[in-house]
């Protein structure tokens, strides 16, 4: 049975928090416990996006109104 859990994390210059939290979420993604891991970034100028990509997260730099298309309804 495929995982049904999708996680969307809004970020803006969140490299410190992501460096602590994404490794565990990445493990869940690899293990099939998490279906989607999406970082919705608001224009970070630090290493937020690089950290997210290293953990296997997809990234979205879209406007908030378009975020709904990324979630499971």
Protein backbone atom coordinates (compact mmCIF):
# COMPACT_ATOMS: atom_id res chain seq x y z
CA UNK A 1 0.00 0.00 0.00
CA UNK A 2 1.56 3.32 -1.04
CA UNK A 3 2.16 5.98 1.56
CA UNK A 4 -0.59 8.57 1.81
CA UNK A 5 1.30 11.18 3.77
CA UNK A 6 2.38 14.34 1.98
CA UNK A 7 4.36 16.96 3.85
CA UNK A 8 4.59 20.56 2.66
CA UNK A 9 6.96 22.86 4.54
CA UNK A 10 6.82 26.61 3.88
CA UNK A 11 10.28 28.15 4.17
CA UNK A 12 12.16 31.41 4.03
CA UNK A 13 15.84 31.31 4.99
CA UNK A 14 15.28 28.19 7.08
CA UNK A 15 18.60 26.42 6.62
CA UNK A 16 19.20 25.88 10.34
CA UNK A 17 15.81 24.31 11.05
CA UNK A 18 15.82 22.22 7.88
CA UNK A 19 19.29 20.89 8.57
CA UNK A 20 17.92 19.45 11.82
CA UNK A 21 14.51 18.19 10.63
CA UNK A 22 14.87 17.05 7.02
CA UNK A 23 17.22 14.10 7.54
CA UNK A 24 14.50 12.20 9.44
CA UNK A 25 11.82 13.17 6.93
CA UNK A 26 14.12 12.10 4.12
CA UNK A 27 14.45 8.70 5.78
CA UNK A 28 10.65 8.41 5.82
CA UNK A 29 10.54 9.34 2.14
CA UNK A 30 13.15 6.73 1.23
CA UNK A 31 11.40 4.08 3.34
CA UNK A 32 8.09 4.75 1.60
CA UNK A 33 6.39 6.12 4.71
CA UNK A 34 6.04 9.57 3.16
CA UNK A 35 4.61 10.00 -0.33
CA UNK A 36 5.68 13.58 -1.01
CA UNK A 37 8.05 15.96 0.72
CA UNK A 38 7.69 19.45 -0.70
CA UNK A 39 9.47 22.64 0.28
CA UNK A 40 7.47 25.73 -0.63
CA UNK A 41 10.08 28.47 -0.60
CA UNK A 42 9.39 32.18 -0.41
CA UNK A 43 12.70 33.33 -1.89
CA UNK A 44 15.39 32.10 0.47
CA UNK A 45 18.87 33.55 0.07
CA UNK A 46 20.62 31.00 2.28
CA UNK A 47 21.19 27.26 1.73
CA UNK A 48 17.54 26.29 2.32
CA UNK A 49 16.95 24.94 -1.18
CA UNK A 50 20.23 23.03 -1.34
CA UNK A 51 19.47 21.33 1.99
CA UNK A 52 15.96 20.45 0.81
CA UNK A 53 17.20 18.93 -2.44
CA UNK A 54 19.87 16.92 -0.62
CA UNK A 55 17.14 15.39 1.55
CA UNK A 56 15.11 14.37 -1.51
CA UNK A 57 12.44 17.04 -1.18
CA UNK A 58 10.75 18.56 -4.20
CA UNK A 59 10.77 22.31 -4.24
CA UNK A 60 8.14 24.81 -5.14
CA UNK A 61 8.83 28.48 -5.46
CA UNK A 62 5.26 29.21 -6.55
CA UNK A 63 2.84 31.61 -4.99
CA UNK A 64 0.76 30.38 -2.07
CA UNK A 65 -2.41 30.15 -4.16
CA UNK A 66 -0.70 27.57 -6.37
CA UNK A 67 0.37 25.45 -3.39
CA UNK A 68 -3.02 23.73 -3.36
CA UNK A 69 -2.11 21.89 -6.55
CA UNK A 70 0.74 20.17 -4.67
CA UNK A 71 -1.36 18.74 -1.86
CA UNK A 72 -3.42 15.57 -1.78
CA UNK A 73 -7.10 16.27 -1.35
